[in-house]
Structures are given as structure tokens and as C-alpha cells.
Amino acid sequence: MPEQIQRSIQTTNLADILERVLDKGIVIAGDIKIQIADIDLLTIKIRLLIASVDKAKEIGINWWEQDSYLSAKAKDAEIEKENKELRDRIDNLEKKLDEY
């Protein structure tokens, strides 16, 4: 029986920690640099933000809303833009045909 109580307490603590991290957000940053004789060959910058969607929006991060693979609204906007470009091209071609 004491083992069950201990596991329950640990789960609650883990849930509390996860809730705090998502509410406040956490940033992990690091750089990897490969050099030979003071010449940079490769630099990799790693940035990781862990936060809830609400917190991300609050700090101005909402890239998923403009990604056409993740957002139907963004996909529709991309299709509309492509359609407009095609219509413009057709209009230009028709004008050139009319000139002949």
C-alpha cells in the first residue's frame, strides 16, 4: 500500500512540474561549432522553446498558423495567392495575343 501512495504523489508532482513549464515556458539554447586552426567549418545554433500554445502566442510565436501543412487557413491563403498569380499571367498572355 505505501508503494501506491508514493507513486500517486510522484505523478502529481510531475503533472505540477509539467503544468508550470508549459505555463511559464522554458528555453534551452546552445551552439555547436567545429573549427580547424581558427577557421569555422560548421556552426549549428540550437534553440528550443517548450511552452503551451497560449503562452507561445502571448510572446508572439505563432508560426504554425502560417504553415500551410498545419493550418487550413494558411493553405487556403496560399492557394488564393497562386490563383491570383495564374490569373495575372493569363491576363498578360491575353493582352499579348490581342496585340497581334
N, C-alpha and C. Protein backbone atom coordinates (compact mmCIF):
# COMPACT_ATOMS: atom_id res chain seq x y z
N MET A 1 0.82 -1.21 0.00
CA MET A 1 0.00 0.00 0.00
C MET A 1 0.86 1.27 0.00
N PRO A 2 1.92 1.36 0.79
CA PRO A 2 2.73 2.58 0.76
C PRO A 2 3.32 2.86 -0.62
N GLU A 3 3.59 1.81 -1.40
CA GLU A 3 4.14 2.00 -2.74
C GLU A 3 3.14 2.74 -3.64
N GLN A 4 1.85 2.42 -3.55
CA GLN A 4 0.82 3.08 -4.35
C GLN A 4 0.72 4.56 -3.98
N ILE A 5 0.79 4.88 -2.73
CA ILE A 5 0.71 6.27 -2.29
C ILE A 5 1.90 7.05 -2.82
N GLN A 6 3.08 6.47 -2.77
CA GLN A 6 4.28 7.15 -3.24
C GLN A 6 4.19 7.42 -4.75
N ARG A 7 3.74 6.47 -5.53
CA ARG A 7 3.60 6.67 -6.97
C ARG A 7 2.59 7.77 -7.27
N SER A 8 1.51 7.82 -6.54
CA SER A 8 0.49 8.84 -6.75
C SER A 8 1.06 10.22 -6.49
N ILE A 9 1.83 10.36 -5.45
CA ILE A 9 2.45 11.65 -5.12
C ILE A 9 3.44 12.04 -6.21
N GLN A 10 4.24 11.11 -6.72
CA GLN A 10 5.20 11.41 -7.77
C GLN A 10 4.49 11.85 -9.05
N THR A 11 3.39 11.21 -9.39
CA THR A 11 2.64 11.59 -10.58
C THR A 11 2.09 13.00 -10.45
N THR A 12 1.58 13.32 -9.30
CA THR A 12 1.07 14.67 -9.08
C THR A 12 2.19 15.69 -9.20
N ASN A 13 3.35 15.39 -8.65
CA ASN A 13 4.47 16.32 -8.75
C ASN A 13 4.92 16.50 -10.20
N LEU A 14 4.96 15.42 -10.95
CA LEU A 14 5.34 15.50 -12.35
C LEU A 14 4.31 16.33 -13.13
N ALA A 15 3.03 16.13 -12.86
CA ALA A 15 1.98 16.90 -13.52
C ALA A 15 2.10 18.38 -13.16
N ASP A 16 2.39 18.68 -11.90
CA ASP A 16 2.56 20.08 -11.48
C ASP A 16 3.75 20.71 -12.20
N ILE A 17 4.84 19.97 -12.28
CA ILE A 17 6.03 20.49 -12.95
C ILE A 17 5.74 20.75 -14.42
N LEU A 18 5.08 19.82 -15.08
CA LEU A 18 4.74 19.98 -16.49
C LEU A 18 3.82 21.18 -16.69
N GLU A 19 2.84 21.34 -15.81
CA GLU A 19 1.93 22.49 -15.91
C GLU A 19 2.69 23.80 -15.75
N ARG A 20 3.61 23.86 -14.82
CA ARG A 20 4.40 25.09 -14.61
C ARG A 20 5.27 25.40 -15.82
N VAL A 21 5.92 24.36 -16.36
CA VAL A 21 6.79 24.57 -17.52
C VAL A 21 5.98 25.08 -18.70
N LEU A 22 4.83 24.46 -18.96
CA LEU A 22 4.02 24.90 -20.09
C LEU A 22 3.43 26.29 -19.86
N ASP A 23 3.12 26.61 -18.62
CA ASP A 23 2.54 27.92 -18.31
C ASP A 23 3.58 29.02 -18.42
N LYS A 24 4.76 28.79 -17.88
CA LYS A 24 5.81 29.81 -17.88
C LYS A 24 6.67 29.74 -19.13
N GLY A 25 6.91 28.52 -19.63
CA GLY A 25 7.80 28.33 -20.78
C GLY A 25 9.22 28.12 -20.31
N ILE A 26 9.97 27.43 -21.12
CA ILE A 26 11.38 27.21 -20.82
C ILE A 26 12.15 27.26 -22.13
N VAL A 27 13.32 27.86 -22.11
CA VAL A 27 14.15 27.98 -23.31
C VAL A 27 15.46 27.24 -23.06
N ILE A 28 15.82 26.41 -24.03
CA ILE A 28 17.11 25.72 -23.98
C ILE A 28 17.87 26.17 -25.22
N ALA A 29 19.06 26.68 -25.03
CA ALA A 29 19.84 27.21 -26.15
C ALA A 29 21.26 26.67 -26.10
N GLY A 30 21.82 26.47 -27.27
CA GLY A 30 23.19 26.00 -27.34
C GLY A 30 23.75 26.18 -28.73
N ASP A 31 25.06 26.24 -28.82
CA ASP A 31 25.74 26.37 -30.10
C ASP A 31 26.76 25.25 -30.23
N ILE A 32 26.87 24.72 -31.42
CA ILE A 32 27.88 23.72 -31.73
C ILE A 32 28.75 24.33 -32.81
N LYS A 33 30.05 24.38 -32.57
CA LYS A 33 30.95 24.99 -33.54
C LYS A 33 32.10 24.04 -33.80
N ILE A 34 32.38 23.80 -35.08
CA ILE A 34 33.51 22.96 -35.47
C ILE A 34 34.54 23.86 -36.14
N GLN A 35 35.76 23.84 -35.59
CA GLN A 35 36.83 24.69 -36.10
C GLN A 35 38.09 23.85 -36.32
N ILE A 36 38.84 24.26 -37.31
CA ILE A 36 40.19 23.73 -37.50
C ILE A 36 41.10 24.92 -37.73
N ALA A 37 42.11 25.04 -36.88
CA ALA A 37 43.08 26.13 -36.98
C ALA A 37 42.39 27.49 -37.05
N ASP A 38 41.48 27.74 -36.14
CA ASP A 38 40.75 29.00 -36.03
C ASP A 38 39.91 29.34 -37.26
N ILE A 39 39.56 28.33 -38.05
CA ILE A 39 38.68 28.53 -39.19
C ILE A 39 37.38 27.79 -38.90
N ASP A 40 36.28 28.55 -38.91
CA ASP A 40 34.98 27.93 -38.65
C ASP A 40 34.56 27.09 -39.85
N LEU A 41 34.34 25.82 -39.61
CA LEU A 41 33.86 24.93 -40.66
C LEU A 41 32.36 24.76 -40.61
N LEU A 42 31.83 24.72 -39.40
CA LEU A 42 30.40 24.49 -39.24
C LEU A 42 29.94 25.10 -37.92
N THR A 43 28.83 25.82 -37.96
CA THR A 43 28.22 26.35 -36.75
C THR A 43 26.75 25.99 -36.77
N ILE A 44 26.30 25.37 -35.71
CA ILE A 44 24.90 25.00 -35.58
C ILE A 44 24.35 25.67 -34.33
N LYS A 45 23.30 26.46 -34.49
CA LYS A 45 22.66 27.11 -33.35
C LYS A 45 21.38 26.35 -33.05
N ILE A 46 21.26 25.92 -31.82
CA ILE A 46 20.09 25.16 -31.41
C ILE A 46 19.31 25.98 -30.40
N ARG A 47 18.04 26.18 -30.69
CA ARG A 47 17.14 26.90 -29.78
C ARG A 47 15.88 26.07 -29.62
N LEU A 48 15.49 25.83 -28.40
CA LEU A 48 14.31 25.02 -28.13
C LEU A 48 13.45 25.76 -27.12
N LEU A 49 12.19 25.95 -27.46
CA LEU A 49 11.24 26.59 -26.56
C LEU A 49 10.14 25.59 -26.25
N ILE A 50 9.91 25.35 -25.00
CA ILE A 50 8.83 24.47 -24.57
C ILE A 50 7.82 25.34 -23.83
N ALA A 51 6.61 25.41 -24.38
CA ALA A 51 5.57 26.23 -23.76
C ALA A 51 4.21 25.79 -24.30
N SER A 52 3.16 26.21 -23.64
CA SER A 52 1.82 25.93 -24.14
C SER A 52 1.54 26.82 -25.35
N VAL A 53 0.55 26.46 -26.13
CA VAL A 53 0.18 27.26 -27.30
C VAL A 53 -0.21 28.67 -26.87
N ASP A 54 -0.97 28.78 -25.78
CA ASP A 54 -1.39 30.10 -25.30
C ASP A 54 -0.18 30.96 -24.92
N LYS A 55 0.78 30.36 -24.23
CA LYS A 55 1.97 31.10 -23.82
C LYS A 55 2.79 31.51 -25.05
N ALA A 56 2.91 30.60 -26.01
CA ALA A 56 3.66 30.91 -27.24
C ALA A 56 3.02 32.09 -27.96
N LYS A 57 1.69 32.08 -28.10
CA LYS A 57 1.00 33.19 -28.75
C LYS A 57 1.20 34.48 -27.96
N GLU A 58 1.18 34.37 -26.64
CA GLU A 58 1.35 35.55 -25.78
C GLU A 58 2.70 36.22 -26.02
N ILE A 59 3.74 35.43 -26.30
CA ILE A 59 5.07 36.01 -26.52
C ILE A 59 5.36 36.23 -28.00
N GLY A 60 4.33 36.04 -28.85
CA GLY A 60 4.47 36.39 -30.26
C GLY A 60 4.94 35.27 -31.17
N ILE A 61 4.85 34.05 -30.74
CA ILE A 61 5.25 32.92 -31.58
C ILE A 61 3.99 32.21 -32.06
N ASN A 62 3.78 32.21 -33.37
CA ASN A 62 2.60 31.53 -33.92
C ASN A 62 2.88 31.03 -35.34
N TRP A 63 4.07 30.54 -35.58
CA TRP A 63 4.47 30.11 -36.91
C TRP A 63 3.57 29.02 -37.48
N TRP A 64 2.97 28.20 -36.64
CA TRP A 64 2.12 27.11 -37.13
C TRP A 64 0.86 27.63 -37.81
N GLU A 65 0.47 28.87 -37.51
CA GLU A 65 -0.71 29.44 -38.14
C GLU A 65 -0.46 29.83 -39.59
N GLN A 66 0.81 30.06 -39.97
CA GLN A 66 1.15 30.43 -41.34
C GLN A 66 1.68 29.24 -42.13
N ASP A 67 1.87 28.10 -41.50
CA ASP A 67 2.39 26.91 -42.17
C ASP A 67 1.24 26.19 -42.87
N SER A 68 1.33 26.08 -44.19
CA SER A 68 0.22 25.51 -44.96
C SER A 68 0.02 24.02 -44.69
N TYR A 69 1.01 23.36 -44.12
CA TYR A 69 0.85 21.94 -43.78
C TYR A 69 0.12 21.76 -42.45
N LEU A 70 0.10 22.80 -41.63
CA LEU A 70 -0.52 22.69 -40.31
C LEU A 70 -1.81 23.48 -40.17
N SER A 71 -2.07 24.39 -41.09
CA SER A 71 -3.23 25.27 -40.97
C SER A 71 -4.03 25.32 -42.26
N ALA A 72 -5.31 24.99 -42.19
CA ALA A 72 -6.17 25.06 -43.36
C ALA A 72 -6.29 26.50 -43.85
N LYS A 73 -6.32 27.44 -42.91
CA LYS A 73 -6.43 28.86 -43.26
C LYS A 73 -5.22 29.30 -44.09
N ALA A 74 -4.03 28.87 -43.66
CA ALA A 74 -2.81 29.22 -44.39
C ALA A 74 -2.79 28.55 -45.76
N LYS A 75 -3.27 27.31 -45.83
CA LYS A 75 -3.32 26.59 -47.10
C LYS A 75 -4.25 27.31 -48.07
N ASP A 76 -5.41 27.75 -47.58
CA ASP A 76 -6.35 28.49 -48.43
C ASP A 76 -5.73 29.79 -48.94
N ALA A 77 -5.00 30.48 -48.07
CA ALA A 77 -4.35 31.73 -48.47
C ALA A 77 -3.28 31.46 -49.53
N GLU A 78 -2.56 30.36 -49.38
CA GLU A 78 -1.54 30.00 -50.35
C GLU A 78 -2.17 29.68 -51.71
N ILE A 79 -3.26 28.95 -51.70
CA ILE A 79 -3.96 28.61 -52.94
C ILE A 79 -4.52 29.87 -53.60
N GLU A 80 -5.09 30.77 -52.82
CA GLU A 80 -5.63 32.02 -53.36
C GLU A 80 -4.53 32.87 -53.99
N LYS A 81 -3.36 32.90 -53.35
CA LYS A 81 -2.23 33.65 -53.89
C LYS A 81 -1.78 33.04 -55.22
N GLU A 82 -1.69 31.73 -55.27
CA GLU A 82 -1.30 31.06 -56.51
C GLU A 82 -2.32 31.30 -57.61
N ASN A 83 -3.61 31.25 -57.26
CA ASN A 83 -4.67 31.52 -58.25
C ASN A 83 -4.57 32.93 -58.81
N LYS A 84 -4.29 33.90 -57.94
CA LYS A 84 -4.16 35.29 -58.40
C LYS A 84 -2.98 35.43 -59.35
N GLU A 85 -1.86 34.79 -59.01
CA GLU A 85 -0.69 34.85 -59.88
C GLU A 85 -1.00 34.23 -61.24
N LEU A 86 -1.72 33.11 -61.25
CA LEU A 86 -2.09 32.47 -62.51
C LEU A 86 -3.04 33.33 -63.33
N ARG A 87 -4.02 33.96 -62.65
CA ARG A 87 -4.94 34.85 -63.35
C ARG A 87 -4.20 36.02 -63.99
N ASP A 88 -3.22 36.57 -63.25
CA ASP A 88 -2.42 37.68 -63.78
C ASP A 88 -1.63 37.24 -65.01
N ARG A 89 -1.06 36.05 -64.95
CA ARG A 89 -0.31 35.53 -66.10
C ARG A 89 -1.23 35.33 -67.31
N ILE A 90 -2.41 34.80 -67.07
CA ILE A 90 -3.37 34.61 -68.16
C ILE A 90 -3.77 35.95 -68.77
N ASP A 91 -4.02 36.95 -67.92
CA ASP A 91 -4.37 38.29 -68.41
C ASP A 91 -3.24 38.86 -69.29
N ASN A 92 -2.01 38.69 -68.83
CA ASN A 92 -0.87 39.19 -69.61
C ASN A 92 -0.76 38.48 -70.95
N LEU A 93 -0.96 37.17 -70.96
CA LEU A 93 -0.92 36.42 -72.21
C LEU A 93 -2.04 36.85 -73.15
N GLU A 94 -3.23 37.06 -72.63
CA GLU A 94 -4.35 37.51 -73.45
C GLU A 94 -4.09 38.88 -74.05
N LYS A 95 -3.47 39.75 -73.28
CA LYS A 95 -3.15 41.10 -73.79
C LYS A 95 -2.14 41.00 -74.93
N LYS A 96 -1.15 40.09 -74.78
CA LYS A 96 -0.16 39.92 -75.84
C LYS A 96 -0.81 39.36 -77.10
N LEU A 97 -1.77 38.44 -76.93
CA LEU A 97 -2.48 37.88 -78.08
C LEU A 97 -3.30 38.95 -78.79
N ASP A 98 -3.92 39.83 -78.01
CA ASP A 98 -4.73 40.91 -78.59
C ASP A 98 -3.87 41.89 -79.39
N GLU A 99 -2.61 42.04 -79.02
CA GLU A 99 -1.70 42.95 -79.71
C GLU A 99 -1.35 42.42 -81.10
N TYR A 100 -1.39 41.11 -81.29
CA TYR A 100 -1.04 40.53 -82.59
C TYR A 100 -2.18 40.59 -83.48
